Amino acid sequence: MKPLETERMIHFLYRMSMYVSNVSRDNIVSFMHGADFGKCSEPHWTKLLNEFILIEYKIEGRAIGWSYQVELFSKQEGIEWTEGFKKLMLEMINKSDKTPITNKTKNWIHKLENNNTQTL
């Protein structure tokens, strides 16, 4: 992934309601497929996520694909699908050498996470 694509995805993950009117599984799936369709280059986010979940968590996609993998992961973790999706995407981005993150984005994420911790 290019740094700009990665930064946009991170922004989406932390500010989903800016991109979809109702943060739900269906809307996130639609957004992700649109994001992949709009990209000319490989690899697509959904393909990377599918492979990441299979390798890291041994959860197969079957015919339904990555959204089903997220569902199974979320059930195992006892969290909502949207939270499972966000957790998996951020973990994948952190562990992947294909998705570089600039220092500016790292600082932005750090600030967001610290603000969220302080308000809880």
N, C-alpha and C. Protein backbone atom coordinates (compact mmCIF):
# COMPACT_ATOMS: atom_id res chain seq x y z
N MET A 1 0.83 -1.19 0.00
CA MET A 1 0.00 0.00 0.00
C MET A 1 0.87 1.25 0.00
N LYS A 2 0.36 2.26 -0.62
CA LYS A 2 1.03 3.55 -0.60
C LYS A 2 0.71 4.25 0.72
N PRO A 3 1.63 5.06 1.23
CA PRO A 3 1.38 5.74 2.51
C PRO A 3 0.07 6.53 2.54
N LEU A 4 -0.27 7.21 1.45
CA LEU A 4 -1.50 8.00 1.42
C LEU A 4 -2.73 7.11 1.55
N GLU A 5 -2.73 5.96 0.86
CA GLU A 5 -3.86 5.02 0.96
C GLU A 5 -3.99 4.50 2.39
N THR A 6 -2.86 4.21 3.00
CA THR A 6 -2.87 3.72 4.37
C THR A 6 -3.41 4.78 5.32
N GLU A 7 -2.96 6.00 5.15
CA GLU A 7 -3.42 7.09 6.02
C GLU A 7 -4.92 7.33 5.85
N ARG A 8 -5.41 7.24 4.63
CA ARG A 8 -6.85 7.41 4.41
C ARG A 8 -7.64 6.30 5.10
N MET A 9 -7.12 5.08 5.01
CA MET A 9 -7.82 3.96 5.65
C MET A 9 -7.81 4.13 7.16
N ILE A 10 -6.71 4.55 7.72
CA ILE A 10 -6.64 4.77 9.17
C ILE A 10 -7.63 5.85 9.58
N HIS A 11 -7.72 6.90 8.79
CA HIS A 11 -8.68 7.97 9.08
C HIS A 11 -10.10 7.41 9.05
N PHE A 12 -10.40 6.58 8.06
CA PHE A 12 -11.72 5.94 7.99
C PHE A 12 -11.98 5.11 9.25
N LEU A 13 -11.00 4.34 9.68
CA LEU A 13 -11.19 3.46 10.83
C LEU A 13 -11.48 4.23 12.11
N TYR A 14 -10.87 5.39 12.27
CA TYR A 14 -11.09 6.19 13.47
C TYR A 14 -12.26 7.16 13.35
N ARG A 15 -12.69 7.44 12.13
CA ARG A 15 -13.77 8.41 11.91
C ARG A 15 -14.80 7.86 10.92
N MET A 16 -15.26 6.64 11.15
CA MET A 16 -16.16 5.98 10.21
C MET A 16 -17.41 6.79 9.89
N SER A 17 -17.94 7.48 10.89
CA SER A 17 -19.19 8.22 10.67
C SER A 17 -19.01 9.39 9.70
N MET A 18 -17.78 9.77 9.41
CA MET A 18 -17.54 10.80 8.40
C MET A 18 -17.66 10.23 6.99
N TYR A 19 -17.56 8.92 6.86
CA TYR A 19 -17.55 8.27 5.55
C TYR A 19 -18.85 7.53 5.25
N VAL A 20 -19.49 7.00 6.26
CA VAL A 20 -20.77 6.30 6.07
C VAL A 20 -21.78 6.88 7.05
N SER A 21 -23.00 7.06 6.58
CA SER A 21 -24.00 7.73 7.42
C SER A 21 -24.39 6.91 8.64
N ASN A 22 -24.47 5.61 8.48
CA ASN A 22 -24.84 4.72 9.57
C ASN A 22 -23.73 3.66 9.67
N VAL A 23 -22.98 3.69 10.74
CA VAL A 23 -21.86 2.75 10.88
C VAL A 23 -22.42 1.37 11.19
N SER A 24 -22.50 0.55 10.15
CA SER A 24 -23.02 -0.81 10.29
C SER A 24 -22.21 -1.74 9.40
N ARG A 25 -22.39 -3.01 9.61
CA ARG A 25 -21.66 -4.00 8.81
C ARG A 25 -21.90 -3.79 7.32
N ASP A 26 -23.16 -3.67 6.93
CA ASP A 26 -23.48 -3.52 5.51
C ASP A 26 -22.82 -2.30 4.90
N ASN A 27 -22.87 -1.18 5.61
CA ASN A 27 -22.28 0.05 5.08
C ASN A 27 -20.76 0.00 5.03
N ILE A 28 -20.16 -0.64 6.01
CA ILE A 28 -18.69 -0.79 6.00
C ILE A 28 -18.27 -1.71 4.86
N VAL A 29 -18.99 -2.81 4.67
CA VAL A 29 -18.68 -3.72 3.56
C VAL A 29 -18.79 -2.98 2.23
N SER A 30 -19.86 -2.20 2.06
CA SER A 30 -20.03 -1.42 0.83
C SER A 30 -18.90 -0.43 0.64
N PHE A 31 -18.54 0.27 1.71
CA PHE A 31 -17.45 1.24 1.63
C PHE A 31 -16.15 0.56 1.23
N MET A 32 -15.85 -0.57 1.84
CA MET A 32 -14.59 -1.27 1.56
C MET A 32 -14.54 -1.75 0.11
N HIS A 33 -15.66 -2.26 -0.40
CA HIS A 33 -15.67 -2.70 -1.79
C HIS A 33 -15.54 -1.51 -2.73
N GLY A 34 -16.14 -0.39 -2.37
CA GLY A 34 -15.98 0.83 -3.16
C GLY A 34 -14.55 1.32 -3.14
N ALA A 35 -13.92 1.27 -1.97
CA ALA A 35 -12.52 1.69 -1.86
C ALA A 35 -11.61 0.80 -2.71
N ASP A 36 -11.88 -0.49 -2.70
CA ASP A 36 -11.10 -1.41 -3.52
C ASP A 36 -11.34 -1.17 -5.01
N PHE A 37 -12.60 -0.94 -5.37
CA PHE A 37 -12.95 -0.72 -6.78
C PHE A 37 -12.29 0.55 -7.31
N GLY A 38 -12.18 1.56 -6.46
CA GLY A 38 -11.60 2.82 -6.88
C GLY A 38 -10.09 2.80 -7.02
N LYS A 39 -9.46 1.74 -6.54
CA LYS A 39 -8.00 1.62 -6.63
C LYS A 39 -7.61 0.94 -7.93
N CYS A 40 -6.61 1.47 -8.56
CA CYS A 40 -6.11 0.85 -9.79
C CYS A 40 -5.06 -0.21 -9.48
N SER A 41 -4.42 -0.07 -8.34
CA SER A 41 -3.31 -0.96 -8.02
C SER A 41 -3.73 -2.07 -7.06
N GLU A 42 -3.01 -3.14 -7.11
CA GLU A 42 -3.17 -4.23 -6.16
C GLU A 42 -2.22 -3.98 -5.00
N PRO A 43 -2.34 -4.58 -3.89
CA PRO A 43 -3.44 -5.44 -3.47
C PRO A 43 -4.58 -4.62 -2.87
N HIS A 44 -5.74 -5.18 -2.91
CA HIS A 44 -6.91 -4.52 -2.35
C HIS A 44 -6.99 -4.78 -0.85
N TRP A 45 -7.60 -3.83 -0.15
CA TRP A 45 -7.74 -3.95 1.31
C TRP A 45 -8.46 -5.23 1.70
N THR A 46 -9.54 -5.56 1.00
CA THR A 46 -10.33 -6.73 1.39
C THR A 46 -9.54 -8.03 1.18
N LYS A 47 -8.74 -8.08 0.13
CA LYS A 47 -7.91 -9.26 -0.10
C LYS A 47 -6.84 -9.38 0.98
N LEU A 48 -6.22 -8.27 1.33
CA LEU A 48 -5.22 -8.28 2.40
C LEU A 48 -5.84 -8.71 3.73
N LEU A 49 -7.03 -8.18 4.03
CA LEU A 49 -7.70 -8.53 5.28
C LEU A 49 -8.06 -10.01 5.31
N ASN A 50 -8.57 -10.52 4.20
CA ASN A 50 -8.92 -11.93 4.10
C ASN A 50 -7.71 -12.80 4.40
N GLU A 51 -6.59 -12.50 3.77
CA GLU A 51 -5.37 -13.27 3.97
C GLU A 51 -4.83 -13.11 5.39
N PHE A 52 -4.90 -11.91 5.92
CA PHE A 52 -4.41 -11.65 7.28
C PHE A 52 -5.18 -12.48 8.30
N ILE A 53 -6.50 -12.49 8.21
CA ILE A 53 -7.32 -13.25 9.17
C ILE A 53 -7.05 -14.74 9.04
N LEU A 54 -6.89 -15.21 7.81
CA LEU A 54 -6.59 -16.63 7.60
C LEU A 54 -5.25 -17.01 8.22
N ILE A 55 -4.24 -16.19 8.01
CA ILE A 55 -2.90 -16.50 8.51
C ILE A 55 -2.80 -16.30 10.03
N GLU A 56 -3.27 -15.17 10.53
CA GLU A 56 -3.11 -14.83 11.95
C GLU A 56 -4.07 -15.60 12.86
N TYR A 57 -5.30 -15.81 12.40
CA TYR A 57 -6.32 -16.38 13.28
C TYR A 57 -6.87 -17.71 12.79
N LYS A 58 -6.38 -18.18 11.65
CA LYS A 58 -6.80 -19.48 11.09
C LYS A 58 -8.31 -19.54 10.87
N ILE A 59 -8.89 -18.41 10.47
CA ILE A 59 -10.32 -18.35 10.17
C ILE A 59 -10.48 -18.26 8.66
N GLU A 60 -11.11 -19.27 8.07
CA GLU A 60 -11.28 -19.30 6.62
C GLU A 60 -12.45 -18.41 6.20
N GLY A 61 -12.34 -17.87 5.00
CA GLY A 61 -13.36 -16.96 4.49
C GLY A 61 -14.57 -17.66 3.91
N ARG A 62 -14.39 -18.84 3.41
CA ARG A 62 -15.43 -19.57 2.72
C ARG A 62 -16.02 -18.73 1.60
N ALA A 63 -17.22 -19.04 1.18
CA ALA A 63 -17.83 -18.32 0.05
C ALA A 63 -18.21 -16.89 0.41
N ILE A 64 -18.49 -16.63 1.67
CA ILE A 64 -18.94 -15.30 2.08
C ILE A 64 -17.77 -14.33 2.15
N GLY A 65 -16.57 -14.81 2.39
CA GLY A 65 -15.39 -13.97 2.34
C GLY A 65 -15.03 -13.28 3.64
N TRP A 66 -14.35 -12.15 3.49
CA TRP A 66 -13.75 -11.44 4.62
C TRP A 66 -14.76 -10.96 5.65
N SER A 67 -15.95 -10.56 5.24
CA SER A 67 -16.92 -10.06 6.23
C SER A 67 -17.37 -11.19 7.16
N TYR A 68 -17.42 -12.42 6.63
CA TYR A 68 -17.76 -13.57 7.46
C TYR A 68 -16.61 -13.89 8.42
N GLN A 69 -15.38 -13.74 7.94
CA GLN A 69 -14.22 -13.94 8.81
C GLN A 69 -14.25 -12.95 9.98
N VAL A 70 -14.59 -11.70 9.68
CA VAL A 70 -14.69 -10.68 10.73
C VAL A 70 -15.79 -11.06 11.71
N GLU A 71 -16.90 -11.59 11.20
CA GLU A 71 -18.00 -12.02 12.07
C GLU A 71 -17.55 -13.11 13.03
N LEU A 72 -16.86 -14.12 12.51
CA LEU A 72 -16.38 -15.21 13.37
C LEU A 72 -15.37 -14.71 14.40
N PHE A 73 -14.45 -13.85 13.97
CA PHE A 73 -13.47 -13.27 14.88
C PHE A 73 -14.18 -12.48 15.99
N SER A 74 -15.14 -11.66 15.61
CA SER A 74 -15.86 -10.83 16.58
C SER A 74 -16.61 -11.68 17.60
N LYS A 75 -17.21 -12.77 17.13
CA LYS A 75 -17.90 -13.67 18.06
C LYS A 75 -16.91 -14.29 19.04
N GLN A 76 -15.74 -14.69 18.55
CA GLN A 76 -14.71 -15.26 19.43
C GLN A 76 -14.26 -14.26 20.49
N GLU A 77 -14.16 -13.00 20.10
CA GLU A 77 -13.70 -11.94 21.00
C GLU A 77 -14.82 -11.37 21.87
N GLY A 78 -16.07 -11.67 21.53
CA GLY A 78 -17.20 -11.15 22.28
C GLY A 78 -17.44 -9.66 22.05
N ILE A 79 -17.18 -9.21 20.81
CA ILE A 79 -17.35 -7.80 20.48
C ILE A 79 -18.26 -7.66 19.26
N GLU A 80 -18.72 -6.45 19.01
CA GLU A 80 -19.56 -6.17 17.84
C GLU A 80 -18.74 -6.32 16.56
N TRP A 81 -19.42 -6.58 15.45
CA TRP A 81 -18.76 -6.76 14.17
C TRP A 81 -17.93 -5.53 13.81
N THR A 82 -18.48 -4.34 14.01
CA THR A 82 -17.76 -3.11 13.63
C THR A 82 -16.47 -2.95 14.43
N GLU A 83 -16.50 -3.31 15.71
CA GLU A 83 -15.29 -3.22 16.53
C GLU A 83 -14.27 -4.28 16.11
N GLY A 84 -14.76 -5.47 15.77
CA GLY A 84 -13.87 -6.52 15.28
C GLY A 84 -13.18 -6.12 13.99
N PHE A 85 -13.95 -5.50 13.10
CA PHE A 85 -13.39 -5.03 11.83
C PHE A 85 -12.29 -4.00 12.08
N LYS A 86 -12.59 -3.03 12.92
CA LYS A 86 -11.61 -1.98 13.22
C LYS A 86 -10.35 -2.57 13.85
N LYS A 87 -10.53 -3.47 14.80
CA LYS A 87 -9.40 -4.09 15.49
C LYS A 87 -8.52 -4.87 14.51
N LEU A 88 -9.15 -5.65 13.64
CA LEU A 88 -8.40 -6.45 12.67
C LEU A 88 -7.65 -5.57 11.67
N MET A 89 -8.33 -4.55 11.17
CA MET A 89 -7.69 -3.67 10.19
C MET A 89 -6.48 -2.96 10.79
N LEU A 90 -6.64 -2.43 11.99
CA LEU A 90 -5.52 -1.73 12.63
C LEU A 90 -4.37 -2.68 12.93
N GLU A 91 -4.70 -3.89 13.36
CA GLU A 91 -3.66 -4.88 13.63
C GLU A 91 -2.93 -5.25 12.33
N MET A 92 -3.70 -5.44 11.27
CA MET A 92 -3.10 -5.77 9.98
C MET A 92 -2.18 -4.65 9.50
N ILE A 93 -2.63 -3.42 9.61
CA ILE A 93 -1.81 -2.28 9.18
C ILE A 93 -0.54 -2.19 10.01
N ASN A 94 -0.66 -2.41 11.32
CA ASN A 94 0.52 -2.35 12.19
C ASN A 94 1.55 -3.42 11.87
N LYS A 95 1.07 -4.61 11.51
CA LYS A 95 1.98 -5.74 11.28
C LYS A 95 2.51 -5.84 9.86
N SER A 96 1.89 -5.12 8.95
CA SER A 96 2.24 -5.29 7.55
C SER A 96 3.37 -4.36 7.11
N ASP A 97 4.29 -4.91 6.37
CA ASP A 97 5.34 -4.08 5.79
C ASP A 97 4.88 -3.49 4.45
N LYS A 98 3.71 -3.91 3.99
CA LYS A 98 3.17 -3.39 2.74
C LYS A 98 2.41 -2.09 2.96
N THR A 99 2.15 -1.74 4.20
CA THR A 99 1.35 -0.55 4.49
C THR A 99 2.12 0.40 5.39
N PRO A 100 3.03 1.17 4.80
CA PRO A 100 3.83 2.09 5.62
C PRO A 100 2.99 3.22 6.19
N ILE A 101 3.34 3.66 7.38
CA ILE A 101 2.64 4.75 8.05
C ILE A 101 3.66 5.85 8.33
N THR A 102 3.30 7.07 7.99
CA THR A 102 4.22 8.18 8.23
C THR A 102 4.22 8.53 9.72
N ASN A 103 5.25 9.24 10.14
CA ASN A 103 5.33 9.68 11.54
C ASN A 103 4.16 10.59 11.90
N LYS A 104 3.72 11.42 10.96
CA LYS A 104 2.58 12.31 11.19
C LYS A 104 1.34 11.49 11.55
N THR A 105 1.10 10.41 10.81
CA THR A 105 -0.06 9.56 11.09
C THR A 105 0.11 8.83 12.41
N LYS A 106 1.32 8.36 12.70
CA LYS A 106 1.57 7.69 13.98
C LYS A 106 1.26 8.63 15.15
N ASN A 107 1.69 9.86 15.03
CA ASN A 107 1.42 10.85 16.08
C ASN A 107 -0.07 11.13 16.21
N TRP A 108 -0.77 11.23 15.09
CA TRP A 108 -2.21 11.48 15.09
C TRP A 108 -2.95 10.33 15.78
N ILE A 109 -2.57 9.09 15.46
CA ILE A 109 -3.18 7.92 16.09
C ILE A 109 -2.91 7.93 17.59
N HIS A 110 -1.67 8.21 17.96
CA HIS A 110 -1.30 8.25 19.37
C HIS A 110 -2.14 9.28 20.13
N LYS A 111 -2.32 10.46 19.55
CA LYS A 111 -3.15 11.49 20.18
C LYS A 111 -4.59 11.02 20.33
N LEU A 112 -5.14 10.42 19.27
CA LEU A 112 -6.52 9.93 19.32
C LEU A 112 -6.69 8.89 20.41
N GLU A 113 -5.76 7.94 20.46
CA GLU A 113 -5.87 6.87 21.45
C GLU A 113 -5.72 7.41 22.87
N ASN A 114 -4.86 8.38 23.08
CA ASN A 114 -4.71 8.98 24.40
C ASN A 114 -5.95 9.77 24.80
N ASN A 115 -6.54 10.49 23.87
CA ASN A 115 -7.77 11.23 24.16
C ASN A 115 -8.92 10.29 24.48
N ASN A 116 -9.02 9.18 23.75
CA ASN A 116 -10.08 8.21 24.01
C ASN A 116 -9.90 7.56 25.37
N THR A 117 -8.67 7.29 25.78
CA THR A 117 -8.39 6.68 27.07
C THR A 117 -8.73 7.64 28.21
N GLN A 118 -8.42 8.92 28.02
CA GLN A 118 -8.66 9.91 29.06
C GLN A 118 -10.15 10.17 29.26
N THR A 119 -10.95 10.07 28.19
CA THR A 119 -12.38 10.35 28.31
C THR A 119 -13.16 9.17 28.87
N LEU A 120 -12.55 7.98 28.87
CA LEU A 120 -13.24 6.81 29.41
C LEU A 120 -13.13 6.84 30.88
